[in-house]
Amino acid sequence: MRARALPLCSKTVNSKPPPASEAVPASISQNIEAIADYYKREEQKTGRAQRLLEHIGAGIGRPMFLGVGLSFVAVWILVNLMAPRIGVPAFDPPPFSALQGIVSLSALLITTIVLIGQNRLARLEQLRGQLELQVNILTEQKTTTLIRLLEELRRDLPMVRDRHDADAATLQVPTDAKQILTALEGEKRSDEAPGKT
């Protein structure tokens, strides 16, 4: 049976940049630049020692590091088990106390390096969370204002039948962030109360 040739795609990939009309709006590019500037400033605040530790931490987080560590331990054990068989004294005979000390010290240093990096990332994440909360509150306030204005417009237009919309009336009321936080804290406390599983 003869194979049929697949039809060629009639569309070609456009490698040119999009025209100016399709470019990112100025407000979006300003936001992107502001965020990029923020991260650049945070990176400049980071000291040389912090950068070095984060670079080491990034290396520790790679699969290759695990492979090198396991290989080191395997070679150490193998050399110390095989040395007496070829007539050479083992430099760390079983139970490999020197290896245990090296691994324990390595674990302490690795944990400290990772925690130092995580502390800075946690601080950045907390700032990002605060920014998101502020943006969400601002968006909610704008949405509430828009709903209120639309409802006023609906009431004022003579050709639109005026009716009571309970959902729109509820959505016109601005959200009280303190009230939400109090409710969340109360729910958290009730979840943490003794006797609750």
N, C-alpha and C. Protein backbone atom coordinates (compact mmCIF):
# COMPACT_ATOMS: atom_id res chain seq x y z
N MET A 1 0.84 -1.19 0.00
CA MET A 1 0.00 0.00 0.00
C MET A 1 0.88 1.24 0.00
N ARG A 2 0.52 2.18 -0.78
CA ARG A 2 1.31 3.39 -0.92
C ARG A 2 0.93 4.42 0.14
N ALA A 3 1.92 5.00 0.78
CA ALA A 3 1.67 6.01 1.82
C ALA A 3 1.31 7.33 1.17
N ARG A 4 0.33 7.99 1.76
CA ARG A 4 -0.08 9.30 1.26
C ARG A 4 0.75 10.38 1.92
N ALA A 5 1.09 11.36 1.16
CA ALA A 5 1.85 12.49 1.71
C ALA A 5 0.92 13.37 2.52
N LEU A 6 1.41 13.82 3.64
CA LEU A 6 0.63 14.74 4.47
C LEU A 6 0.61 16.12 3.83
N PRO A 7 -0.54 16.81 3.88
CA PRO A 7 -0.58 18.15 3.31
C PRO A 7 0.27 19.11 4.14
N LEU A 8 0.90 20.02 3.46
CA LEU A 8 1.70 21.02 4.16
C LEU A 8 0.79 22.06 4.79
N CYS A 9 1.23 22.57 5.91
CA CYS A 9 0.45 23.63 6.56
C CYS A 9 0.54 24.89 5.73
N SER A 10 -0.59 25.53 5.55
CA SER A 10 -0.60 26.74 4.74
C SER A 10 -0.12 27.95 5.52
N LYS A 11 -0.20 27.86 6.86
CA LYS A 11 0.24 28.99 7.69
C LYS A 11 1.72 28.85 8.00
N THR A 12 2.41 29.92 7.98
CA THR A 12 3.80 29.92 8.38
C THR A 12 3.91 30.63 9.72
N VAL A 13 4.94 30.27 10.45
CA VAL A 13 5.15 30.89 11.75
C VAL A 13 5.68 32.30 11.54
N ASN A 14 5.04 33.24 12.18
CA ASN A 14 5.43 34.64 12.05
C ASN A 14 6.53 34.92 13.04
N SER A 15 7.73 35.18 12.55
CA SER A 15 8.85 35.43 13.44
C SER A 15 9.03 36.92 13.73
N LYS A 16 8.24 37.76 13.09
CA LYS A 16 8.33 39.19 13.33
C LYS A 16 7.64 39.55 14.65
N PRO A 17 8.09 40.60 15.30
CA PRO A 17 7.40 41.04 16.50
C PRO A 17 6.00 41.53 16.14
N PRO A 18 5.07 41.45 17.09
CA PRO A 18 3.72 41.90 16.80
C PRO A 18 3.71 43.39 16.49
N PRO A 19 2.76 43.83 15.66
CA PRO A 19 2.68 45.26 15.37
C PRO A 19 2.39 46.05 16.64
N ALA A 20 2.65 47.35 16.57
CA ALA A 20 2.49 48.20 17.74
C ALA A 20 1.08 48.14 18.30
N SER A 21 0.07 47.89 17.44
CA SER A 21 -1.30 47.84 17.92
C SER A 21 -1.54 46.62 18.81
N GLU A 22 -0.71 45.56 18.65
CA GLU A 22 -0.85 44.36 19.46
C GLU A 22 0.15 44.33 20.62
N ALA A 23 0.95 45.38 20.76
CA ALA A 23 1.95 45.42 21.81
C ALA A 23 1.26 45.47 23.18
N VAL A 24 2.03 45.18 24.20
CA VAL A 24 1.51 45.20 25.56
C VAL A 24 1.12 46.63 25.92
N PRO A 25 -0.09 46.81 26.49
CA PRO A 25 -0.50 48.17 26.88
C PRO A 25 0.47 48.78 27.88
N ALA A 26 0.53 50.11 27.85
CA ALA A 26 1.48 50.84 28.70
C ALA A 26 1.27 50.54 30.18
N SER A 27 0.02 50.42 30.61
CA SER A 27 -0.24 50.17 32.04
C SER A 27 0.33 48.82 32.45
N ILE A 28 0.23 47.81 31.59
CA ILE A 28 0.76 46.49 31.92
C ILE A 28 2.28 46.52 31.93
N SER A 29 2.87 47.17 30.91
CA SER A 29 4.33 47.22 30.88
C SER A 29 4.89 48.02 32.06
N GLN A 30 4.16 49.05 32.50
CA GLN A 30 4.60 49.79 33.69
C GLN A 30 4.57 48.91 34.93
N ASN A 31 3.51 48.10 35.05
CA ASN A 31 3.43 47.18 36.19
C ASN A 31 4.56 46.16 36.16
N ILE A 32 4.84 45.63 34.97
CA ILE A 32 5.92 44.65 34.83
C ILE A 32 7.25 45.28 35.21
N GLU A 33 7.48 46.51 34.73
CA GLU A 33 8.72 47.21 35.05
C GLU A 33 8.83 47.49 36.55
N ALA A 34 7.72 47.87 37.18
CA ALA A 34 7.74 48.15 38.61
C ALA A 34 8.10 46.90 39.41
N ILE A 35 7.53 45.76 39.02
CA ILE A 35 7.83 44.51 39.71
C ILE A 35 9.28 44.11 39.47
N ALA A 36 9.75 44.25 38.22
CA ALA A 36 11.14 43.91 37.90
C ALA A 36 12.10 44.81 38.68
N ASP A 37 11.77 46.11 38.78
CA ASP A 37 12.61 47.03 39.56
C ASP A 37 12.63 46.63 41.03
N TYR A 38 11.49 46.22 41.55
CA TYR A 38 11.43 45.80 42.96
C TYR A 38 12.37 44.62 43.19
N TYR A 39 12.28 43.59 42.33
CA TYR A 39 13.15 42.43 42.49
C TYR A 39 14.62 42.78 42.30
N LYS A 40 14.88 43.72 41.41
CA LYS A 40 16.27 44.16 41.21
C LYS A 40 16.80 44.84 42.46
N ARG A 41 15.97 45.70 43.08
CA ARG A 41 16.37 46.37 44.32
C ARG A 41 16.61 45.36 45.43
N GLU A 42 15.71 44.36 45.53
CA GLU A 42 15.88 43.34 46.56
C GLU A 42 17.16 42.54 46.33
N GLU A 43 17.48 42.28 45.07
CA GLU A 43 18.71 41.54 44.74
C GLU A 43 19.93 42.38 45.09
N GLN A 44 19.86 43.71 44.88
CA GLN A 44 20.98 44.58 45.22
C GLN A 44 21.18 44.68 46.72
N LYS A 45 20.09 44.55 47.49
CA LYS A 45 20.19 44.59 48.95
C LYS A 45 20.87 43.34 49.50
N THR A 46 20.84 42.26 48.73
CA THR A 46 21.40 40.99 49.17
C THR A 46 22.91 41.10 49.22
N GLY A 47 23.48 40.74 50.36
CA GLY A 47 24.93 40.80 50.53
C GLY A 47 25.65 39.70 49.77
N ARG A 48 26.96 39.86 49.68
CA ARG A 48 27.79 38.89 48.96
C ARG A 48 27.72 37.51 49.61
N ALA A 49 27.76 37.47 50.94
CA ALA A 49 27.70 36.18 51.65
C ALA A 49 26.36 35.49 51.40
N GLN A 50 25.28 36.28 51.42
CA GLN A 50 23.95 35.72 51.18
C GLN A 50 23.87 35.13 49.77
N ARG A 51 24.40 35.86 48.79
CA ARG A 51 24.39 35.36 47.40
C ARG A 51 25.18 34.07 47.28
N LEU A 52 26.35 34.03 47.95
CA LEU A 52 27.18 32.83 47.90
C LEU A 52 26.44 31.64 48.50
N LEU A 53 25.81 31.86 49.66
CA LEU A 53 25.07 30.77 50.30
C LEU A 53 23.88 30.33 49.45
N GLU A 54 23.20 31.27 48.80
CA GLU A 54 22.08 30.88 47.94
C GLU A 54 22.57 30.13 46.70
N HIS A 55 23.74 30.51 46.21
CA HIS A 55 24.32 29.79 45.08
C HIS A 55 24.68 28.36 45.49
N ILE A 56 25.26 28.21 46.66
CA ILE A 56 25.57 26.87 47.18
C ILE A 56 24.28 26.09 47.40
N GLY A 57 23.27 26.76 47.96
CA GLY A 57 21.98 26.10 48.19
C GLY A 57 21.34 25.63 46.89
N ALA A 58 21.49 26.42 45.82
CA ALA A 58 20.95 26.02 44.53
C ALA A 58 21.67 24.77 44.02
N GLY A 59 22.98 24.68 44.27
CA GLY A 59 23.72 23.48 43.87
C GLY A 59 23.32 22.27 44.69
N ILE A 60 23.07 22.49 45.98
CA ILE A 60 22.65 21.39 46.86
C ILE A 60 21.30 20.84 46.42
N GLY A 61 20.46 21.69 45.89
CA GLY A 61 19.12 21.28 45.50
C GLY A 61 19.04 20.51 44.19
N ARG A 62 20.15 20.23 43.57
CA ARG A 62 20.15 19.51 42.29
C ARG A 62 20.32 18.01 42.52
N PRO A 63 19.76 17.20 41.62
CA PRO A 63 19.91 15.75 41.74
C PRO A 63 21.37 15.28 41.71
N MET A 64 22.21 16.04 41.00
CA MET A 64 23.62 15.66 40.91
C MET A 64 24.28 15.66 42.29
N PHE A 65 23.87 16.60 43.16
CA PHE A 65 24.44 16.65 44.50
C PHE A 65 24.12 15.37 45.27
N LEU A 66 22.89 14.90 45.14
CA LEU A 66 22.50 13.65 45.79
C LEU A 66 23.34 12.50 45.26
N GLY A 67 23.53 12.45 43.95
CA GLY A 67 24.35 11.39 43.36
C GLY A 67 25.78 11.43 43.83
N VAL A 68 26.36 12.64 43.90
CA VAL A 68 27.74 12.78 44.39
C VAL A 68 27.84 12.37 45.85
N GLY A 69 26.87 12.77 46.67
CA GLY A 69 26.88 12.40 48.09
C GLY A 69 26.78 10.90 48.30
N LEU A 70 25.86 10.28 47.59
CA LEU A 70 25.71 8.83 47.72
C LEU A 70 26.94 8.09 47.20
N SER A 71 27.51 8.59 46.12
CA SER A 71 28.73 7.97 45.57
C SER A 71 29.88 8.09 46.57
N PHE A 72 30.01 9.26 47.20
CA PHE A 72 31.07 9.46 48.20
C PHE A 72 30.93 8.46 49.34
N VAL A 73 29.72 8.32 49.86
CA VAL A 73 29.49 7.38 50.97
C VAL A 73 29.77 5.95 50.52
N ALA A 74 29.32 5.58 49.32
CA ALA A 74 29.53 4.22 48.83
C ALA A 74 31.02 3.93 48.66
N VAL A 75 31.78 4.87 48.08
CA VAL A 75 33.22 4.67 47.89
C VAL A 75 33.92 4.59 49.24
N TRP A 76 33.53 5.45 50.16
CA TRP A 76 34.14 5.44 51.51
C TRP A 76 33.96 4.07 52.16
N ILE A 77 32.73 3.58 52.15
CA ILE A 77 32.45 2.28 52.77
C ILE A 77 33.18 1.16 52.04
N LEU A 78 33.15 1.19 50.72
CA LEU A 78 33.79 0.14 49.93
C LEU A 78 35.29 0.11 50.17
N VAL A 79 35.93 1.27 50.18
CA VAL A 79 37.39 1.32 50.43
C VAL A 79 37.71 0.77 51.81
N ASN A 80 36.93 1.15 52.81
CA ASN A 80 37.21 0.69 54.18
C ASN A 80 36.89 -0.78 54.38
N LEU A 81 35.98 -1.35 53.61
CA LEU A 81 35.69 -2.78 53.71
C LEU A 81 36.70 -3.60 52.92
N MET A 82 37.19 -3.07 51.81
CA MET A 82 38.10 -3.82 50.96
C MET A 82 39.56 -3.68 51.39
N ALA A 83 39.91 -2.61 52.08
CA ALA A 83 41.31 -2.36 52.46
C ALA A 83 41.92 -3.52 53.24
N PRO A 84 41.26 -4.07 54.27
CA PRO A 84 41.88 -5.18 55.01
C PRO A 84 42.08 -6.44 54.14
N ARG A 85 41.27 -6.62 53.14
CA ARG A 85 41.38 -7.81 52.27
C ARG A 85 42.62 -7.75 51.37
N ILE A 86 43.09 -6.53 51.11
CA ILE A 86 44.30 -6.42 50.29
C ILE A 86 45.52 -6.09 51.14
N GLY A 87 45.37 -6.21 52.46
CA GLY A 87 46.48 -6.04 53.38
C GLY A 87 46.77 -4.62 53.80
N VAL A 88 45.87 -3.70 53.54
CA VAL A 88 46.04 -2.31 53.94
C VAL A 88 45.08 -2.04 55.09
N PRO A 89 45.53 -1.36 56.15
CA PRO A 89 44.60 -1.09 57.26
C PRO A 89 43.53 -0.08 56.82
N ALA A 90 42.31 -0.30 57.29
CA ALA A 90 41.19 0.61 56.98
C ALA A 90 41.37 1.89 57.77
N PHE A 91 41.20 3.03 57.11
CA PHE A 91 41.35 4.31 57.81
C PHE A 91 40.10 4.68 58.61
N ASP A 92 38.97 4.02 58.33
CA ASP A 92 37.73 4.24 59.09
C ASP A 92 36.97 2.92 59.13
N PRO A 93 37.40 2.01 60.01
CA PRO A 93 36.76 0.69 60.04
C PRO A 93 35.31 0.79 60.53
N PRO A 94 34.49 -0.24 60.19
CA PRO A 94 33.10 -0.23 60.67
C PRO A 94 33.06 -0.03 62.17
N PRO A 95 32.16 0.74 62.66
CA PRO A 95 30.92 1.34 62.14
C PRO A 95 31.11 2.69 61.47
N PHE A 96 32.28 2.99 60.94
CA PHE A 96 32.54 4.19 60.14
C PHE A 96 32.24 5.49 60.91
N SER A 97 32.87 5.63 62.05
CA SER A 97 32.60 6.80 62.89
C SER A 97 33.03 8.10 62.23
N ALA A 98 34.14 8.10 61.49
CA ALA A 98 34.56 9.32 60.80
C ALA A 98 33.54 9.71 59.73
N LEU A 99 33.03 8.72 59.00
CA LEU A 99 32.01 8.98 57.98
C LEU A 99 30.74 9.55 58.63
N GLN A 100 30.37 9.00 59.78
CA GLN A 100 29.19 9.50 60.48
C GLN A 100 29.38 10.96 60.88
N GLY A 101 30.58 11.30 61.35
CA GLY A 101 30.86 12.69 61.71
C GLY A 101 30.80 13.62 60.51
N ILE A 102 31.37 13.16 59.38
CA ILE A 102 31.36 13.98 58.17
C ILE A 102 29.92 14.18 57.68
N VAL A 103 29.14 13.10 57.68
CA VAL A 103 27.75 13.20 57.21
C VAL A 103 26.94 14.09 58.14
N SER A 104 27.15 13.97 59.46
CA SER A 104 26.41 14.81 60.41
C SER A 104 26.76 16.28 60.24
N LEU A 105 28.06 16.59 60.09
CA LEU A 105 28.47 17.98 59.89
C LEU A 105 27.91 18.51 58.57
N SER A 106 27.95 17.67 57.52
CA SER A 106 27.39 18.08 56.23
C SER A 106 25.90 18.37 56.35
N ALA A 107 25.18 17.51 57.08
CA ALA A 107 23.74 17.71 57.25
C ALA A 107 23.47 19.03 57.97
N LEU A 108 24.26 19.34 58.99
CA LEU A 108 24.10 20.59 59.72
C LEU A 108 24.34 21.79 58.81
N LEU A 109 25.43 21.74 58.03
CA LEU A 109 25.75 22.86 57.14
C LEU A 109 24.71 23.01 56.03
N ILE A 110 24.28 21.90 55.45
CA ILE A 110 23.27 21.96 54.38
C ILE A 110 21.96 22.53 54.91
N THR A 111 21.54 22.07 56.08
CA THR A 111 20.30 22.58 56.67
C THR A 111 20.39 24.08 56.92
N THR A 112 21.51 24.52 57.45
CA THR A 112 21.69 25.95 57.72
C THR A 112 21.67 26.76 56.44
N ILE A 113 22.36 26.28 55.41
CA ILE A 113 22.40 26.99 54.13
C ILE A 113 21.00 27.09 53.52
N VAL A 114 20.28 25.99 53.55
CA VAL A 114 18.92 25.99 52.99
C VAL A 114 18.01 26.92 53.78
N LEU A 115 18.11 26.91 55.10
CA LEU A 115 17.26 27.77 55.92
C LEU A 115 17.56 29.25 55.70
N ILE A 116 18.83 29.58 55.50
CA ILE A 116 19.19 30.98 55.25
C ILE A 116 18.54 31.45 53.94
N GLY A 117 18.61 30.62 52.92
CA GLY A 117 17.97 30.97 51.65
C GLY A 117 16.46 31.04 51.78
N GLN A 118 15.88 30.10 52.52
CA GLN A 118 14.43 30.07 52.69
C GLN A 118 13.93 31.28 53.46
N ASN A 119 14.70 31.77 54.42
CA ASN A 119 14.27 32.95 55.18
C ASN A 119 14.10 34.16 54.27
N ARG A 120 15.05 34.38 53.36
CA ARG A 120 14.93 35.52 52.44
C ARG A 120 13.76 35.33 51.49
N LEU A 121 13.60 34.11 50.98
CA LEU A 121 12.48 33.84 50.08
C LEU A 121 11.14 33.99 50.80
N ALA A 122 11.09 33.59 52.08
CA ALA A 122 9.85 33.73 52.85
C ALA A 122 9.51 35.20 53.04
N ARG A 123 10.53 36.03 53.27
CA ARG A 123 10.29 37.46 53.42
C ARG A 123 9.76 38.05 52.11
N LEU A 124 10.34 37.67 50.98
CA LEU A 124 9.85 38.14 49.68
C LEU A 124 8.43 37.65 49.44
N GLU A 125 8.15 36.42 49.82
CA GLU A 125 6.81 35.87 49.63
C GLU A 125 5.79 36.62 50.49
N GLN A 126 6.20 36.98 51.70
CA GLN A 126 5.30 37.74 52.58
C GLN A 126 4.99 39.11 51.98
N LEU A 127 6.01 39.77 51.44
CA LEU A 127 5.79 41.07 50.79
C LEU A 127 4.89 40.92 49.57
N ARG A 128 5.10 39.84 48.81
CA ARG A 128 4.25 39.60 47.64
C ARG A 128 2.81 39.35 48.07
N GLY A 129 2.62 38.62 49.17
CA GLY A 129 1.27 38.38 49.68
C GLY A 129 0.59 39.67 50.11
N GLN A 130 1.35 40.56 50.76
CA GLN A 130 0.79 41.85 51.16
C GLN A 130 0.40 42.68 49.93
N LEU A 131 1.24 42.65 48.90
CA LEU A 131 0.93 43.37 47.67
C LEU A 131 -0.34 42.81 47.03
N GLU A 132 -0.45 41.49 46.97
CA GLU A 132 -1.64 40.87 46.39
C GLU A 132 -2.89 41.23 47.18
N LEU A 133 -2.78 41.26 48.51
CA LEU A 133 -3.92 41.63 49.34
C LEU A 133 -4.34 43.07 49.05
N GLN A 134 -3.36 43.97 48.96
CA GLN A 134 -3.67 45.37 48.67
C GLN A 134 -4.35 45.51 47.30
N VAL A 135 -3.83 44.79 46.30
CA VAL A 135 -4.42 44.85 44.97
C VAL A 135 -5.84 44.28 44.99
N ASN A 136 -6.04 43.18 45.70
CA ASN A 136 -7.37 42.57 45.79
C ASN A 136 -8.36 43.50 46.48
N ILE A 137 -7.93 44.16 47.54
CA ILE A 137 -8.82 45.09 48.25
C ILE A 137 -9.16 46.27 47.33
N LEU A 138 -8.16 46.79 46.63
CA LEU A 138 -8.39 47.90 45.72
C LEU A 138 -9.35 47.48 44.60
N THR A 139 -9.16 46.28 44.06
CA THR A 139 -10.05 45.77 43.02
C THR A 139 -11.47 45.63 43.53
N GLU A 140 -11.60 45.13 44.75
CA GLU A 140 -12.94 44.98 45.35
C GLU A 140 -13.59 46.34 45.52
N GLN A 141 -12.83 47.34 45.95
CA GLN A 141 -13.39 48.68 46.13
C GLN A 141 -13.84 49.27 44.79
N LYS A 142 -13.04 49.05 43.75
CA LYS A 142 -13.41 49.56 42.43
C LYS A 142 -14.65 48.84 41.91
N THR A 143 -14.72 47.54 42.12
CA THR A 143 -15.88 46.77 41.67
C THR A 143 -17.14 47.23 42.40
N THR A 144 -17.03 47.44 43.70
CA THR A 144 -18.18 47.93 44.47
C THR A 144 -18.65 49.27 43.95
N THR A 145 -17.72 50.16 43.64
CA THR A 145 -18.07 51.48 43.10
C THR A 145 -18.76 51.34 41.75
N LEU A 146 -18.25 50.46 40.90
CA LEU A 146 -18.87 50.25 39.59
C LEU A 146 -20.29 49.71 39.72
N ILE A 147 -20.49 48.76 40.62
CA ILE A 147 -21.83 48.20 40.82
C ILE A 147 -22.78 49.29 41.32
N ARG A 148 -22.30 50.11 42.26
CA ARG A 148 -23.13 51.19 42.79
C ARG A 148 -23.50 52.18 41.68
N LEU A 149 -22.52 52.53 40.83
CA LEU A 149 -22.79 53.46 39.73
C LEU A 149 -23.77 52.85 38.72
N LEU A 150 -23.61 51.57 38.42
CA LEU A 150 -24.54 50.92 37.48
C LEU A 150 -25.95 50.87 38.06
N GLU A 151 -26.06 50.60 39.33
CA GLU A 151 -27.38 50.58 39.96
C GLU A 151 -28.01 51.97 39.95
N GLU A 152 -27.22 53.02 40.19
CA GLU A 152 -27.74 54.39 40.12
C GLU A 152 -28.21 54.70 38.69
N LEU A 153 -27.41 54.29 37.73
CA LEU A 153 -27.77 54.50 36.32
C LEU A 153 -29.05 53.76 35.98
N ARG A 154 -29.19 52.53 36.45
CA ARG A 154 -30.39 51.74 36.18
C ARG A 154 -31.62 52.41 36.78
N ARG A 155 -31.48 52.95 37.98
CA ARG A 155 -32.62 53.63 38.63
C ARG A 155 -32.97 54.93 37.92
N ASP A 156 -31.98 55.62 37.37
CA ASP A 156 -32.21 56.92 36.75
C ASP A 156 -32.71 56.85 35.31
N LEU A 157 -32.46 55.74 34.63
CA LEU A 157 -32.90 55.64 33.23
C LEU A 157 -34.40 55.41 33.17
N PRO A 158 -35.11 56.26 32.43
CA PRO A 158 -36.58 56.13 32.38
C PRO A 158 -37.04 54.88 31.63
N MET A 159 -36.27 54.39 30.68
CA MET A 159 -36.74 53.24 29.90
C MET A 159 -36.45 51.89 30.57
N VAL A 160 -35.71 51.89 31.68
CA VAL A 160 -35.41 50.64 32.38
C VAL A 160 -36.34 50.53 33.58
N ARG A 161 -37.01 49.39 33.66
CA ARG A 161 -37.93 49.18 34.77
C ARG A 161 -37.14 49.06 36.07
N ASP A 162 -37.53 49.83 37.05
CA ASP A 162 -36.83 49.81 38.34
C ASP A 162 -37.31 48.61 39.14
N ARG A 163 -36.38 47.85 39.65
CA ARG A 163 -36.72 46.71 40.49
C ARG A 163 -35.64 46.57 41.56
N HIS A 164 -35.99 45.90 42.63
CA HIS A 164 -35.03 45.67 43.70
C HIS A 164 -34.24 44.41 43.40
N ASP A 165 -32.91 44.53 43.38
CA ASP A 165 -32.03 43.38 43.17
C ASP A 165 -31.24 43.19 44.46
N ALA A 166 -31.57 42.16 45.22
CA ALA A 166 -30.93 41.92 46.52
C ALA A 166 -29.43 41.67 46.37
N ASP A 167 -29.04 40.92 45.33
CA ASP A 167 -27.61 40.64 45.12
C ASP A 167 -26.84 41.93 44.83
N ALA A 168 -27.39 42.77 43.97
CA ALA A 168 -26.73 44.04 43.65
C ALA A 168 -26.65 44.93 44.88
N ALA A 169 -27.71 44.92 45.69
CA ALA A 169 -27.70 45.73 46.92
C ALA A 169 -26.60 45.25 47.87
N THR A 170 -26.42 43.93 47.96
CA THR A 170 -25.37 43.36 48.82
C THR A 170 -24.00 43.71 48.28
N LEU A 171 -23.83 43.61 46.95
CA LEU A 171 -22.52 43.86 46.35
C LEU A 171 -22.13 45.34 46.37
N GLN A 172 -23.10 46.23 46.59
CA GLN A 172 -22.79 47.66 46.66
C GLN A 172 -22.12 48.03 47.98
N VAL A 173 -22.29 47.20 48.97
CA VAL A 173 -21.71 47.48 50.29
C VAL A 173 -20.22 47.13 50.25
N PRO A 174 -19.35 48.08 50.55
CA PRO A 174 -17.92 47.79 50.53
C PRO A 174 -17.56 46.70 51.54
N THR A 175 -16.61 45.87 51.17
CA THR A 175 -16.16 44.81 52.05
C THR A 175 -15.31 45.41 53.15
N ASP A 176 -15.57 45.00 54.38
CA ASP A 176 -14.80 45.45 55.51
C ASP A 176 -13.71 44.42 55.79
N ALA A 177 -12.46 44.77 55.49
CA ALA A 177 -11.34 43.83 55.65
C ALA A 177 -11.19 43.40 57.11
N LYS A 178 -11.43 44.32 58.05
CA LYS A 178 -11.31 43.97 59.47
C LYS A 178 -12.35 42.93 59.85
N GLN A 179 -13.55 43.07 59.33
CA GLN A 179 -14.61 42.11 59.63
C GLN A 179 -14.26 40.73 59.07
N ILE A 180 -13.69 40.68 57.88
CA ILE A 180 -13.30 39.40 57.29
C ILE A 180 -12.19 38.76 58.11
N LEU A 181 -11.18 39.56 58.50
CA LEU A 181 -10.08 39.03 59.31
C LEU A 181 -10.59 38.50 60.66
N THR A 182 -11.52 39.22 61.27
CA THR A 182 -12.08 38.78 62.55
C THR A 182 -12.81 37.45 62.36
N ALA A 183 -13.57 37.33 61.28
CA ALA A 183 -14.29 36.07 61.02
C ALA A 183 -13.32 34.93 60.76
N LEU A 184 -12.26 35.20 60.02
CA LEU A 184 -11.26 34.16 59.76
C LEU A 184 -10.55 33.72 61.03
N GLU A 185 -10.21 34.70 61.88
CA GLU A 185 -9.55 34.37 63.14
C GLU A 185 -10.48 33.56 64.04
N GLY A 186 -11.78 33.92 64.05
CA GLY A 186 -12.74 33.16 64.84
C GLY A 186 -12.87 31.74 64.34
N GLU A 187 -12.88 31.57 63.02
CA GLU A 187 -12.97 30.22 62.45
C GLU A 187 -11.71 29.42 62.77
N LYS A 188 -10.57 30.08 62.73
CA LYS A 188 -9.31 29.41 63.04
C LYS A 188 -9.29 28.96 64.49
N ARG A 189 -9.76 29.86 65.39
CA ARG A 189 -9.80 29.52 66.81
C ARG A 189 -10.74 28.36 67.07
N SER A 190 -11.88 28.33 66.38
CA SER A 190 -12.83 27.24 66.61
C SER A 190 -12.28 25.92 66.05
N ASP A 191 -11.48 25.99 64.99
CA ASP A 191 -10.85 24.76 64.46
C ASP A 191 -9.77 24.25 65.39
N GLU A 192 -9.09 25.19 66.10
CA GLU A 192 -8.01 24.80 67.00
C GLU A 192 -8.50 24.48 68.40
N ALA A 193 -9.79 24.65 68.66
CA ALA A 193 -10.33 24.40 69.99
C ALA A 193 -10.13 22.95 70.39
N PRO A 194 -9.85 22.69 71.69
CA PRO A 194 -9.66 21.32 72.13
C PRO A 194 -10.92 20.49 71.92
N GLY A 195 -10.73 19.23 71.58
CA GLY A 195 -11.84 18.33 71.38
C GLY A 195 -12.30 18.29 69.93
N LYS A 196 -11.77 19.22 69.08
CA LYS A 196 -12.12 19.21 67.65
C LYS A 196 -11.08 18.41 66.91
N THR A 197 -11.51 17.57 66.01
CA THR A 197 -10.55 16.77 65.24
C THR A 197 -10.53 17.21 63.82
